[in-house]
């Protein structure tokens, strides 16, 4: 598993509070990637028991998806242009063990 301190600073800067909150509730970071050449896009995969989620920043829009067998579910995730709204949605989902993440 990956520690928050091992993540690229760009990911930590945007998501450290959320990641700390998720880790405090039992989620562990299993993978992460940052792409400076693609507008600062990134993703972080987290696991807790049988559940896996991916937090994504792509083109300045945040989304998250439940992962099934390491692949995102087929449905399109809900986009969030505001990180605070994204943070709340992820925390609510993670705390409730996951209603649907899609619209």
Foldseek 3Di string as FASTA:
>chain_A
DDDLVPDPVLCCVLCVVLVVLLVVVAKDWDDKDFDVPQVGKMKTWIDHVQWIKIWIQHPQKIWMAIDDPNHGDPADFDIHNDSVVVSVVVSVQSVVVHDHRHD
